[in-house]
């Protein structure tokens, strides 16, 4: 049977449909009717589809019920569509298997380091996470992770947890006040993930199965450095573990004692930023808060030490021996919630 395409469908909706209506209204189309010539394409389409049938005895063409014709045209298209969907799925699975081999092999000419740029970053990370077999470690600074990024991460990480994998994630303390982040944390911790926060830590990082790590690339372009060198991956994992031990568990209960301890750590961090002479934008970024919030922290310190200017604040803290390192020097460990 002849196959029909989009052009035929458009013709059927316009000129051929009009001719079909006329044939139905007139009870047929007589042999030799001028419209068989003037509307030849429409006539041939109706005849080819089987919507009109010749009456060999009377030499006329009569309309045929479209319901009886539809299955002959639509059913093969549906079958072909199902076949193409299955074929595309098979191709996707085949390429996924090859991609997994490519990502895992250390000897594909990529070396221990690969720089991934722009639109290629997210698909690469998605594939890397999909290959996870044991555990994923992530460090996520609060800045730069918007609602869309968190929604994508929630879908990706939920699938990972449902496969029985482990996830441990580090945030800055400021993430506890971010509604979207709290929603994400609630979803993944319910499935077994562990999330902790601390005042400051290293930059964004993902480590999968302690065999491959992704860290930010150059700051002037959107890029990510993929690291497969075992010694460096192990080193990054060790940094993560040491930082993890200092961090506080991020649960939804938010006990007052924990929040008090977090406030103290952020206060100490603000003091260190002031003493070290960092600008407000840099200090705010390292704390994971907005410049306005950071300015509020500084204002609170001025009020606490009865200082009118930052110079007076620095002088007073110096006189009192305040360094911002009192918590670390005391040897206190963060308390679990």
C-alpha atoms as a PDB file:
ATOM      1  CA  UNK A   1       0.000   0.000   0.000  1.00  0.00           C
ATOM      2  CA  UNK A   2       1.168   3.489  -0.821  1.00  0.00           C
ATOM      3  CA  UNK A   3       2.547   5.473   2.143  1.00  0.00           C
ATOM      4  CA  UNK A   4       1.190   8.915   2.907  1.00  0.00           C
ATOM      5  CA  UNK A   5       3.077  11.859   4.358  1.00  0.00           C
ATOM      6  CA  UNK A   6       2.497  15.347   5.788  1.00  0.00           C
ATOM      7  CA  UNK A   7       1.893  16.906   2.360  1.00  0.00           C
ATOM      8  CA  UNK A   8      -0.879  14.399   1.683  1.00  0.00           C
ATOM      9  CA  UNK A   9      -2.426  15.144   5.072  1.00  0.00           C
ATOM     10  CA  UNK A  10      -2.407  18.898   4.347  1.00  0.00           C
ATOM     11  CA  UNK A  11      -4.026  18.301   0.970  1.00  0.00           C
ATOM     12  CA  UNK A  12      -6.683  16.090   2.548  1.00  0.00           C
ATOM     13  CA  UNK A  13      -7.510  18.822   5.062  1.00  0.00           C
ATOM     14  CA  UNK A  14      -7.984  21.408   2.309  1.00  0.00           C
ATOM     15  CA  UNK A  15      -8.808  20.736  -1.350  1.00  0.00           C
ATOM     16  CA  UNK A  16      -9.390  16.998  -1.024  1.00  0.00           C
ATOM     17  CA  UNK A  17     -11.739  17.472   1.943  1.00  0.00           C
ATOM     18  CA  UNK A  18     -13.771  20.010  -0.045  1.00  0.00           C
ATOM     19  CA  UNK A  19     -14.020  17.670  -3.026  1.00  0.00           C
ATOM     20  CA  UNK A  20     -14.999  14.784  -0.723  1.00  0.00           C
ATOM     21  CA  UNK A  21     -17.814  16.902   0.789  1.00  0.00           C
ATOM     22  CA  UNK A  22     -19.096  17.711  -2.703  1.00  0.00           C
ATOM     23  CA  UNK A  23     -19.078  14.034  -3.722  1.00  0.00           C
ATOM     24  CA  UNK A  24     -20.982  13.089  -0.554  1.00  0.00           C
ATOM     25  CA  UNK A  25     -23.521  15.891  -1.103  1.00  0.00           C
ATOM     26  CA  UNK A  26     -24.047  15.004  -4.781  1.00  0.00           C
ATOM     27  CA  UNK A  27     -24.248  11.286  -4.184  1.00  0.00           C
ATOM     28  CA  UNK A  28     -21.193  10.599  -6.341  1.00  0.00           C
ATOM     29  CA  UNK A  29     -18.879  11.950  -9.027  1.00  0.00           C
ATOM     30  CA  UNK A  30     -19.688  11.004 -12.596  1.00  0.00           C
ATOM     31  CA  UNK A  31     -17.035   9.808 -15.010  1.00  0.00           C
ATOM     32  CA  UNK A  32     -15.844  12.757 -17.103  1.00  0.00           C
ATOM     33  CA  UNK A  33     -16.662  15.361 -14.445  1.00  0.00           C
ATOM     34  CA  UNK A  34     -14.373  18.439 -15.024  1.00  0.00           C
ATOM     35  CA  UNK A  35     -13.230  18.327 -11.413  1.00  0.00           C
ATOM     36  CA  UNK A  36     -11.389  15.092 -12.180  1.00  0.00           C
ATOM     37  CA  UNK A  37      -9.024  17.298 -14.210  1.00  0.00           C
ATOM     38  CA  UNK A  38      -9.133  20.682 -12.443  1.00  0.00           C
ATOM     39  CA  UNK A  39      -8.722  19.079  -9.019  1.00  0.00           C
ATOM     40  CA  UNK A  40      -6.633  16.138 -10.150  1.00  0.00           C
ATOM     41  CA  UNK A  41      -4.329  16.011  -7.090  1.00  0.00           C
ATOM     42  CA  UNK A  42      -7.261  16.034  -4.686  1.00  0.00           C
ATOM     43  CA  UNK A  43      -9.099  13.413  -6.731  1.00  0.00           C
ATOM     44  CA  UNK A  44      -6.067  11.114  -6.946  1.00  0.00           C
ATOM     45  CA  UNK A  45      -5.498  11.407  -3.188  1.00  0.00           C
ATOM     46  CA  UNK A  46      -9.107  10.473  -2.381  1.00  0.00           C
ATOM     47  CA  UNK A  47      -8.855   7.549  -4.755  1.00  0.00           C
ATOM     48  CA  UNK A  48      -5.474   6.476  -3.378  1.00  0.00           C
ATOM     49  CA  UNK A  49      -6.714   6.624   0.208  1.00  0.00           C
ATOM     50  CA  UNK A  50      -9.811   4.650  -0.693  1.00  0.00           C
ATOM     51  CA  UNK A  51     -12.141   7.487   0.340  1.00  0.00           C
ATOM     52  CA  UNK A  52     -13.843   7.206  -3.048  1.00  0.00           C
ATOM     53  CA  UNK A  53     -14.458   4.017  -4.950  1.00  0.00           C
ATOM     54  CA  UNK A  54     -15.389   3.541  -8.646  1.00  0.00           C
ATOM     55  CA  UNK A  55     -18.747   2.079  -9.554  1.00  0.00           C
ATOM     56  CA  UNK A  56     -17.800   0.020 -12.583  1.00  0.00           C
ATOM     57  CA  UNK A  57     -21.390  -0.484 -13.685  1.00  0.00           C
ATOM     58  CA  UNK A  58     -22.453   3.162 -13.692  1.00  0.00           C
ATOM     59  CA  UNK A  59     -19.116   4.834 -14.359  1.00  0.00           C
ATOM     60  CA  UNK A  60     -19.312   6.973 -11.207  1.00  0.00           C
ATOM     61  CA  UNK A  61     -17.197   7.385  -8.079  1.00  0.00           C
ATOM     62  CA  UNK A  62     -18.907   7.106  -4.684  1.00  0.00           C
ATOM     63  CA  UNK A  63     -17.725   8.245  -1.253  1.00  0.00           C
ATOM     64  CA  UNK A  64     -16.563   5.602   1.224  1.00  0.00           C
ATOM     65  CA  UNK A  65     -16.986   5.761   5.028  1.00  0.00           C
ATOM     66  CA  UNK A  66     -13.745   7.354   6.409  1.00  0.00           C
ATOM     67  CA  UNK A  67     -13.989   5.090   9.465  1.00  0.00           C
ATOM     68  CA  UNK A  68     -13.453   2.068   7.268  1.00  0.00           C
ATOM     69  CA  UNK A  69     -10.432   3.690   5.630  1.00  0.00           C
ATOM     70  CA  UNK A  70      -8.715   5.175   8.691  1.00  0.00           C
ATOM     71  CA  UNK A  71      -7.338   1.932  10.094  1.00  0.00           C
ATOM     72  CA  UNK A  72      -5.632   1.109   6.815  1.00  0.00           C
ATOM     73  CA  UNK A  73      -3.710   4.405   6.945  1.00  0.00           C
ATOM     74  CA  UNK A  74      -3.263   5.102  10.674  1.00  0.00           C
ATOM     75  CA  UNK A  75      -2.503   1.591  11.960  1.00  0.00           C
ATOM     76  CA  UNK A  76       0.660   1.158   9.850  1.00  0.00           C
ATOM     77  CA  UNK A  77       1.855   4.597  10.994  1.00  0.00           C
ATOM     78  CA  UNK A  78       1.338   3.631  14.642  1.00  0.00           C
ATOM     79  CA  UNK A  79       3.178   0.364  14.118  1.00  0.00           C
ATOM     80  CA  UNK A  80       6.042   2.176  12.432  1.00  0.00           C
ATOM     81  CA  UNK A  81       6.120   4.730  15.255  1.00  0.00           C
ATOM     82  CA  UNK A  82       6.326   1.973  17.878  1.00  0.00           C
ATOM     83  CA  UNK A  83       9.065   0.273  15.892  1.00  0.00           C
ATOM     84  CA  UNK A  84      11.053   3.526  15.668  1.00  0.00           C
ATOM     85  CA  UNK A  85      10.641   4.197  19.406  1.00  0.00           C
ATOM     86  CA  UNK A  86      11.893   0.727  20.225  1.00  0.00           C
ATOM     87  CA  UNK A  87      14.752   1.109  17.774  1.00  0.00           C
ATOM     88  CA  UNK A  88      15.732   4.499  19.232  1.00  0.00           C
ATOM     89  CA  UNK A  89      15.657   2.999  22.729  1.00  0.00           C
ATOM     90  CA  UNK A  90      17.926   0.155  21.635  1.00  0.00           C
ATOM     91  CA  UNK A  91      20.351   2.632  20.063  1.00  0.00           C
ATOM     92  CA  UNK A  92      20.342   4.761  23.224  1.00  0.00           C
ATOM     93  CA  UNK A  93      21.140   1.729  25.385  1.00  0.00           C
ATOM     94  CA  UNK A  94      23.951   0.728  23.058  1.00  0.00           C
ATOM     95  CA  UNK A  95      25.506   4.194  23.134  1.00  0.00           C
ATOM     96  CA  UNK A  96      25.058   4.361  26.925  1.00  0.00           C
ATOM     97  CA  UNK A  97      27.023   1.139  27.300  1.00  0.00           C
ATOM     98  CA  UNK A  98      29.799   2.452  25.071  1.00  0.00           C
ATOM     99  CA  UNK A  99      29.826   5.785  26.943  1.00  0.00           C
ATOM    100  CA  UNK A 100      30.209   3.918  30.223  1.00  0.00           C
ATOM    101  CA  UNK A 101      33.204   2.035  28.851  1.00  0.00           C
ATOM    102  CA  UNK A 102      34.686   5.299  27.576  1.00  0.00           C
ATOM    103  CA  UNK A 103      34.257   7.111  30.900  1.00  0.00           C
ATOM    104  CA  UNK A 104      35.734   4.255  32.913  1.00  0.00           C
ATOM    105  CA  UNK A 105      38.766   3.584  30.752  1.00  0.00           C
ATOM    106  CA  UNK A 106      41.972   5.398  31.779  1.00  0.00           C
ATOM    107  CA  UNK A 107      43.565   4.767  28.398  1.00  0.00           C
ATOM    108  CA  UNK A 108      41.406   6.556  25.824  1.00  0.00           C
ATOM    109  CA  UNK A 109      43.871   9.305  25.069  1.00  0.00           C
ATOM    110  CA  UNK A 110      42.309  11.673  27.609  1.00  0.00           C
ATOM    111  CA  UNK A 111      44.951  11.311  30.290  1.00  0.00           C
ATOM    112  CA  UNK A 112      44.255  11.850  33.988  1.00  0.00           C
ATOM    113  CA  UNK A 113      42.698  15.295  33.441  1.00  0.00           C
ATOM    114  CA  UNK A 114      39.925  16.474  31.115  1.00  0.00           C
ATOM    115  CA  UNK A 115      38.509  19.986  30.832  1.00  0.00           C
ATOM    116  CA  UNK A 116      34.780  20.058  30.056  1.00  0.00           C
ATOM    117  CA  UNK A 117      33.148  23.298  28.873  1.00  0.00           C
ATOM    118  CA  UNK A 118      29.726  24.951  28.988  1.00  0.00           C
ATOM    119  CA  UNK A 119      26.789  22.804  27.813  1.00  0.00           C
ATOM    120  CA  UNK A 120      28.855  19.607  28.018  1.00  0.00           C
ATOM    121  CA  UNK A 121      29.252  19.863  31.806  1.00  0.00           C
ATOM    122  CA  UNK A 122      25.771  18.824  32.975  1.00  0.00           C
ATOM    123  CA  UNK A 123      25.452  15.799  30.642  1.00  0.00           C
ATOM    124  CA  UNK A 124      28.931  14.623  31.663  1.00  0.00           C
ATOM    125  CA  UNK A 125      28.112  14.860  35.361  1.00  0.00           C
ATOM    126  CA  UNK A 126      24.773  13.122  34.813  1.00  0.00           C
ATOM    127  CA  UNK A 127      26.538  10.238  33.088  1.00  0.00           C
ATOM    128  CA  UNK A 128      29.229  10.076  35.751  1.00  0.00           C
ATOM    129  CA  UNK A 129      26.622   9.937  38.531  1.00  0.00           C
ATOM    130  CA  UNK A 130      24.627   7.308  36.651  1.00  0.00           C
ATOM    131  CA  UNK A 131      27.734   5.094  36.735  1.00  0.00           C
ATOM    132  CA  UNK A 132      28.072   5.387  40.521  1.00  0.00           C
ATOM    133  CA  UNK A 133      28.303   1.980  42.199  1.00  0.00           C
ATOM    134  CA  UNK A 134      29.019   2.810  45.861  1.00  0.00           C
ATOM    135  CA  UNK A 135      29.064   6.429  47.027  1.00  0.00           C
ATOM    136  CA  UNK A 136      28.988  10.008  45.816  1.00  0.00           C
ATOM    137  CA  UNK A 137      30.616  12.810  47.821  1.00  0.00           C
ATOM    138  CA  UNK A 138      29.656  16.389  46.991  1.00  0.00           C
ATOM    139  CA  UNK A 139      30.630  19.813  48.264  1.00  0.00           C
ATOM    140  CA  UNK A 140      28.242  22.571  47.261  1.00  0.00           C
ATOM    141  CA  UNK A 141      28.819  26.217  48.176  1.00  0.00           C
ATOM    142  CA  UNK A 142      25.539  28.037  48.694  1.00  0.00           C
ATOM    143  CA  UNK A 143      26.238  30.618  45.995  1.00  0.00           C
ATOM    144  CA  UNK A 144      25.343  29.680  42.418  1.00  0.00           C
ATOM    145  CA  UNK A 145      22.949  26.808  43.146  1.00  0.00           C
ATOM    146  CA  UNK A 146      19.548  28.071  42.055  1.00  0.00           C
ATOM    147  CA  UNK A 147      16.083  26.508  42.065  1.00  0.00           C
ATOM    148  CA  UNK A 148      16.526  24.916  38.627  1.00  0.00           C
ATOM    149  CA  UNK A 149      19.901  23.380  39.529  1.00  0.00           C
ATOM    150  CA  UNK A 150      18.544  21.981  42.793  1.00  0.00           C
ATOM    151  CA  UNK A 151      15.495  20.507  41.055  1.00  0.00           C
ATOM    152  CA  UNK A 152      17.743  18.711  38.567  1.00  0.00           C
ATOM    153  CA  UNK A 153      19.999  17.525  41.401  1.00  0.00           C
ATOM    154  CA  UNK A 154      16.983  16.217  43.329  1.00  0.00           C
ATOM    155  CA  UNK A 155      15.890  14.046  40.411  1.00  0.00           C
ATOM    156  CA  UNK A 156      19.423  12.790  39.780  1.00  0.00           C
ATOM    157  CA  UNK A 157      20.236  12.102  43.435  1.00  0.00           C
ATOM    158  CA  UNK A 158      16.881  10.486  44.205  1.00  0.00           C
ATOM    159  CA  UNK A 159      17.454   7.992  41.402  1.00  0.00           C
ATOM    160  CA  UNK A 160      20.916   7.269  42.799  1.00  0.00           C
ATOM    161  CA  UNK A 161      19.626   6.681  46.332  1.00  0.00           C
ATOM    162  CA  UNK A 162      16.823   4.457  45.093  1.00  0.00           C
ATOM    163  CA  UNK A 163      19.499   2.267  43.502  1.00  0.00           C
ATOM    164  CA  UNK A 164      21.010   1.771  46.965  1.00  0.00           C
ATOM    165  CA  UNK A 165      23.961   4.135  46.572  1.00  0.00           C
ATOM    166  CA  UNK A 166      25.202   6.470  49.342  1.00  0.00           C
ATOM    167  CA  UNK A 167      25.381  10.261  49.144  1.00  0.00           C
ATOM    168  CA  UNK A 168      27.161  12.635  51.488  1.00  0.00           C
ATOM    169  CA  UNK A 169      26.899  16.368  50.833  1.00  0.00           C
ATOM    170  CA  UNK A 170      28.523  19.405  52.412  1.00  0.00           C
ATOM    171  CA  UNK A 171      26.925  22.860  52.405  1.00  0.00           C
ATOM    172  CA  UNK A 172      27.735  26.112  54.115  1.00  0.00           C
ATOM    173  CA  UNK A 173      25.732  27.053  57.212  1.00  0.00           C
ATOM    174  CA  UNK A 174      23.838  29.661  55.178  1.00  0.00           C
ATOM    175  CA  UNK A 175      22.123  26.861  53.236  1.00  0.00           C
ATOM    176  CA  UNK A 176      19.963  26.191  56.295  1.00  0.00           C
ATOM    177  CA  UNK A 177      18.097  29.436  55.652  1.00  0.00           C
ATOM    178  CA  UNK A 178      17.533  28.705  51.952  1.00  0.00           C
ATOM    179  CA  UNK A 179      14.009  27.312  51.476  1.00  0.00           C
ATOM    180  CA  UNK A 180      14.719  25.486  48.198  1.00  0.00           C
ATOM    181  CA  UNK A 181      17.862  23.883  49.616  1.00  0.00           C
ATOM    182  CA  UNK A 182      15.966  22.788  52.729  1.00  0.00           C
ATOM    183  CA  UNK A 183      13.351  21.143  50.516  1.00  0.00           C
ATOM    184  CA  UNK A 184      16.072  19.292  48.589  1.00  0.00           C
ATOM    185  CA  UNK A 185      17.771  18.174  51.808  1.00  0.00           C
ATOM    186  CA  UNK A 186      14.475  16.915  53.238  1.00  0.00           C
ATOM    187  CA  UNK A 187      13.864  14.833  50.097  1.00  0.00           C
ATOM    188  CA  UNK A 188      17.291  13.181  49.912  1.00  0.00           C
ATOM    189  CA  UNK A 189      17.814  12.616  53.634  1.00  0.00           C
ATOM    190  CA  UNK A 190      14.487  10.802  53.765  1.00  0.00           C
ATOM    191  CA  UNK A 191      16.016   8.315  51.317  1.00  0.00           C
ATOM    192  CA  UNK A 192      19.204   7.893  53.342  1.00  0.00           C
ATOM    193  CA  UNK A 193      21.523  10.679  52.184  1.00  0.00           C
ATOM    194  CA  UNK A 194      23.640  12.524  54.749  1.00  0.00           C
ATOM    195  CA  UNK A 195      24.038  16.305  54.645  1.00  0.00           C
ATOM    196  CA  UNK A 196      26.196  18.500  56.862  1.00  0.00           C
ATOM    197  CA  UNK A 197      27.117  22.194  56.967  1.00  0.00           C
ATOM    198  CA  UNK A 198      30.027  24.289  58.198  1.00  0.00           C
ATOM    199  CA  UNK A 199      31.182  27.901  58.143  1.00  0.00           C
ATOM    200  CA  UNK A 200      33.547  27.598  55.154  1.00  0.00           C
ATOM    201  CA  UNK A 201      35.079  24.857  53.085  1.00  0.00           C
ATOM    202  CA  UNK A 202      36.725  24.161  49.738  1.00  0.00           C
ATOM    203  CA  UNK A 203      35.033  24.932  46.437  1.00  0.00           C
ATOM    204  CA  UNK A 204      32.393  22.909  44.589  1.00  0.00           C
ATOM    205  CA  UNK A 205      33.402  19.277  44.100  1.00  0.00           C
ATOM    206  CA  UNK A 206      31.907  15.896  43.189  1.00  0.00           C
ATOM    207  CA  UNK A 207      33.662  12.576  43.820  1.00  0.00           C
ATOM    208  CA  UNK A 208      32.169   9.310  42.556  1.00  0.00           C
ATOM    209  CA  UNK A 209      33.324   5.983  43.991  1.00  0.00           C
ATOM    210  CA  UNK A 210      36.652   7.634  44.890  1.00  0.00           C
ATOM    211  CA  UNK A 211      37.812   7.018  41.329  1.00  0.00           C
ATOM    212  CA  UNK A 212      36.779  10.218  39.529  1.00  0.00           C
ATOM    213  CA  UNK A 213      36.368  13.812  40.735  1.00  0.00           C
ATOM    214  CA  UNK A 214      35.021  17.016  39.201  1.00  0.00           C
ATOM    215  CA  UNK A 215      36.120  20.455  40.399  1.00  0.00           C
ATOM    216  CA  UNK A 216      35.655  23.954  38.907  1.00  0.00           C
ATOM    217  CA  UNK A 217      37.843  24.906  35.973  1.00  0.00           C
ATOM    218  CA  UNK A 218      39.057  28.387  35.133  1.00  0.00           C
ATOM    219  CA  UNK A 219      37.094  31.221  36.737  1.00  0.00           C
ATOM    220  CA  UNK A 220      36.838  33.313  33.561  1.00  0.00           C
ATOM    221  CA  UNK A 221      34.937  30.617  31.637  1.00  0.00           C
ATOM    222  CA  UNK A 222      32.287  28.050  32.560  1.00  0.00           C
ATOM    223  CA  UNK A 223      34.315  24.867  32.746  1.00  0.00           C
ATOM    224  CA  UNK A 224      34.917  21.837  34.941  1.00  0.00           C
ATOM    225  CA  UNK A 225      38.084  19.819  35.472  1.00  0.00           C
ATOM    226  CA  UNK A 226      37.578  16.056  35.468  1.00  0.00           C
ATOM    227  CA  UNK A 227      40.252  14.238  37.467  1.00  0.00           C
ATOM    228  CA  UNK A 228      40.969  10.510  37.153  1.00  0.00           C
ATOM    229  CA  UNK A 229      44.458  10.439  38.648  1.00  0.00           C
ATOM    230  CA  UNK A 230      44.027   8.069  41.650  1.00  0.00           C
ATOM    231  CA  UNK A 231      46.415   9.883  43.993  1.00  0.00           C
ATOM    232  CA  UNK A 232      44.755  13.266  43.443  1.00  0.00           C
ATOM    233  CA  UNK A 233      41.255  11.834  43.746  1.00  0.00           C
ATOM    234  CA  UNK A 234      42.315  10.183  47.026  1.00  0.00           C
ATOM    235  CA  UNK A 235      43.742  13.494  48.229  1.00  0.00           C
ATOM    236  CA  UNK A 236      40.493  15.332  47.462  1.00  0.00           C
ATOM    237  CA  UNK A 237      38.491  12.599  49.192  1.00  0.00           C
ATOM    238  CA  UNK A 238      40.708  12.964  52.275  1.00  0.00           C
ATOM    239  CA  UNK A 239      40.062  16.722  52.336  1.00  0.00           C
ATOM    240  CA  UNK A 240      36.348  15.990  52.129  1.00  0.00           C
ATOM    241  CA  UNK A 241      36.533  13.503  55.027  1.00  0.00           C
ATOM    242  CA  UNK A 242      38.448  15.913  57.279  1.00  0.00           C
ATOM    243  CA  UNK A 243      35.968  18.674  56.526  1.00  0.00           C
ATOM    244  CA  UNK A 244      33.043  16.305  57.036  1.00  0.00           C
ATOM    245  CA  UNK A 245      34.218  15.557  60.568  1.00  0.00           C
ATOM    246  CA  UNK A 246      34.150  19.268  61.433  1.00  0.00           C
ATOM    247  CA  UNK A 247      30.694  19.858  59.936  1.00  0.00           C
ATOM    248  CA  UNK A 248      27.330  19.828  61.687  1.00  0.00           C
ATOM    249  CA  UNK A 249      24.502  17.470  60.604  1.00  0.00           C
ATOM    250  CA  UNK A 250      21.810  19.219  58.554  1.00  0.00           C
ATOM    251  CA  UNK A 251      18.438  17.892  59.704  1.00  0.00           C
ATOM    252  CA  UNK A 252      14.998  19.446  59.634  1.00  0.00           C
ATOM    253  CA  UNK A 253      14.750  19.677  63.440  1.00  0.00           C
ATOM    254  CA  UNK A 254      17.150  22.660  63.688  1.00  0.00           C
ATOM    255  CA  UNK A 255      17.657  22.441  67.465  1.00  0.00           C
ATOM    256  CA  UNK A 256      18.255  25.735  69.229  1.00  0.00           C
ATOM    257  CA  UNK A 257      21.606  24.543  70.606  1.00  0.00           C
ATOM    258  CA  UNK A 258      22.791  23.654  67.111  1.00  0.00           C
ATOM    259  CA  UNK A 259      21.611  26.944  65.621  1.00  0.00           C
ATOM    260  CA  UNK A 260      23.363  28.798  68.456  1.00  0.00           C
ATOM    261  CA  UNK A 261      26.589  26.958  67.646  1.00  0.00           C
ATOM    262  CA  UNK A 262      26.203  27.746  63.943  1.00  0.00           C
ATOM    263  CA  UNK A 263      25.631  31.429  64.703  1.00  0.00           C
ATOM    264  CA  UNK A 264      28.822  31.391  66.781  1.00  0.00           C
ATOM    265  CA  UNK A 265      30.811  29.839  63.947  1.00  0.00           C
ATOM    266  CA  UNK A 266      29.516  32.395  61.441  1.00  0.00           C
ATOM    267  CA  UNK A 267      30.373  35.183  63.888  1.00  0.00           C
ATOM    268  CA  UNK A 268      33.928  33.817  64.252  1.00  0.00           C
ATOM    269  CA  UNK A 269      34.247  33.525  60.475  1.00  0.00           C
ATOM    270  CA  UNK A 270      33.167  37.152  60.072  1.00  0.00           C
ATOM    271  CA  UNK A 271      35.839  38.235  62.581  1.00  0.00           C
ATOM    272  CA  UNK A 272      38.517  36.324  60.674  1.00  0.00           C
ATOM    273  CA  UNK A 273      37.430  37.917  57.393  1.00  0.00           C
ATOM    274  CA  UNK A 274      37.690  41.387  58.950  1.00  0.00           C
ATOM    275  CA  UNK A 275      41.083  40.739  60.518  1.00  0.00           C
ATOM    276  CA  UNK A 276      42.454  39.298  57.265  1.00  0.00           C
ATOM    277  CA  UNK A 277      41.293  42.408  55.411  1.00  0.00           C
ATOM    278  CA  UNK A 278      39.040  40.779  52.816  1.00  0.00           C
ATOM    279  CA  UNK A 279      36.570  42.932  50.928  1.00  0.00           C
ATOM    280  CA  UNK A 280      32.879  42.577  51.707  1.00  0.00           C
ATOM    281  CA  UNK A 281      32.048  40.743  48.421  1.00  0.00           C
ATOM    282  CA  UNK A 282      34.851  38.220  49.009  1.00  0.00           C
ATOM    283  CA  UNK A 283      33.897  37.717  52.648  1.00  0.00           C
ATOM    284  CA  UNK A 284      30.215  37.308  51.807  1.00  0.00           C
ATOM    285  CA  UNK A 285      31.020  34.727  49.148  1.00  0.00           C
ATOM    286  CA  UNK A 286      33.184  32.691  51.512  1.00  0.00           C
ATOM    287  CA  UNK A 287      30.398  32.731  54.097  1.00  0.00           C
ATOM    288  CA  UNK A 288      27.810  31.865  51.451  1.00  0.00           C
ATOM    289  CA  UNK A 289      25.622  34.896  52.180  1.00  0.00           C
ATOM    290  CA  UNK A 290      24.645  38.065  50.361  1.00  0.00           C
ATOM    291  CA  UNK A 291      26.696  41.224  50.736  1.00  0.00           C
ATOM    292  CA  UNK A 292      23.775  42.773  52.611  1.00  0.00           C
ATOM    293  CA  UNK A 293      23.650  39.906  55.107  1.00  0.00           C
ATOM    294  CA  UNK A 294      27.400  40.101  55.630  1.00  0.00           C
ATOM    295  CA  UNK A 295      27.120  43.837  56.277  1.00  0.00           C
ATOM    296  CA  UNK A 296      24.542  42.956  58.937  1.00  0.00           C
ATOM    297  CA  UNK A 297      27.043  40.588  60.596  1.00  0.00           C
ATOM    298  CA  UNK A 298      29.621  43.409  60.709  1.00  0.00           C
ATOM    299  CA  UNK A 299      27.033  45.808  62.121  1.00  0.00           C
ATOM    300  CA  UNK A 300      26.241  43.316  64.890  1.00  0.00           C
ATOM    301  CA  UNK A 301      29.950  43.141  65.794  1.00  0.00           C
ATOM    302  CA  UNK A 302      30.173  46.934  65.911  1.00  0.00           C
ATOM    303  CA  UNK A 303      27.255  47.021  68.295  1.00  0.00           C
ATOM    304  CA  UNK A 304      28.700  44.188  70.401  1.00  0.00           C
ATOM    305  CA  UNK A 305      32.064  45.928  70.798  1.00  0.00           C
ATOM    306  CA  UNK A 306      30.583  49.465  70.897  1.00  0.00           C
ATOM    307  CA  UNK A 307      32.529  50.587  67.822  1.00  0.00           C
ATOM    308  CA  UNK A 308      31.431  53.280  65.383  1.00  0.00           C
ATOM    309  CA  UNK A 309      33.815  52.350  62.547  1.00  0.00           C
ATOM    310  CA  UNK A 310      35.519  49.228  61.298  1.00  0.00           C
ATOM    311  CA  UNK A 311      38.852  50.694  62.365  1.00  0.00           C
ATOM    312  CA  UNK A 312      37.573  51.056  65.931  1.00  0.00           C
ATOM    313  CA  UNK A 313      36.144  47.553  65.745  1.00  0.00           C
ATOM    314  CA  UNK A 314      39.487  46.108  64.640  1.00  0.00           C
ATOM    315  CA  UNK A 315      41.375  48.031  67.293  1.00  0.00           C
ATOM    316  CA  UNK A 316      39.015  46.908  70.069  1.00  0.00           C
ATOM    317  CA  UNK A 317      39.114  43.265  69.029  1.00  0.00           C
ATOM    318  CA  UNK A 318      42.896  43.421  68.788  1.00  0.00           C
ATOM    319  CA  UNK A 319      43.157  44.920  72.262  1.00  0.00           C
ATOM    320  CA  UNK A 320      40.954  42.161  73.662  1.00  0.00           C
ATOM    321  CA  UNK A 321      42.878  39.470  71.807  1.00  0.00           C
ATOM    322  CA  UNK A 322      39.865  38.427  69.706  1.00  0.00           C
ATOM    323  CA  UNK A 323      41.029  36.461  66.625  1.00  0.00           C
ATOM    324  CA  UNK A 324      37.995  34.509  65.456  1.00  0.00           C
ATOM    325  CA  UNK A 325      39.881  31.277  66.121  1.00  0.00           C
ATOM    326  CA  UNK A 326      38.713  30.816  69.703  1.00  0.00           C
ATOM    327  CA  UNK A 327      36.385  27.954  68.787  1.00  0.00           C
ATOM    328  CA  UNK A 328      39.101  25.976  66.997  1.00  0.00           C
ATOM    329  CA  UNK A 329      41.668  26.677  69.707  1.00  0.00           C
ATOM    330  CA  UNK A 330      39.297  25.421  72.415  1.00  0.00           C
ATOM    331  CA  UNK A 331      39.265  22.015  70.751  1.00  0.00           C
ATOM    332  CA  UNK A 332      35.451  21.833  70.874  1.00  0.00           C
ATOM    333  CA  UNK A 333      33.808  19.409  68.538  1.00  0.00           C
ATOM    334  CA  UNK A 334      30.527  20.180  66.805  1.00  0.00           C
ATOM    335  CA  UNK A 335      27.561  18.530  68.471  1.00  0.00           C
ATOM    336  CA  UNK A 336      25.206  16.303  66.527  1.00  0.00           C
ATOM    337  CA  UNK A 337      21.602  17.352  66.373  1.00  0.00           C
END
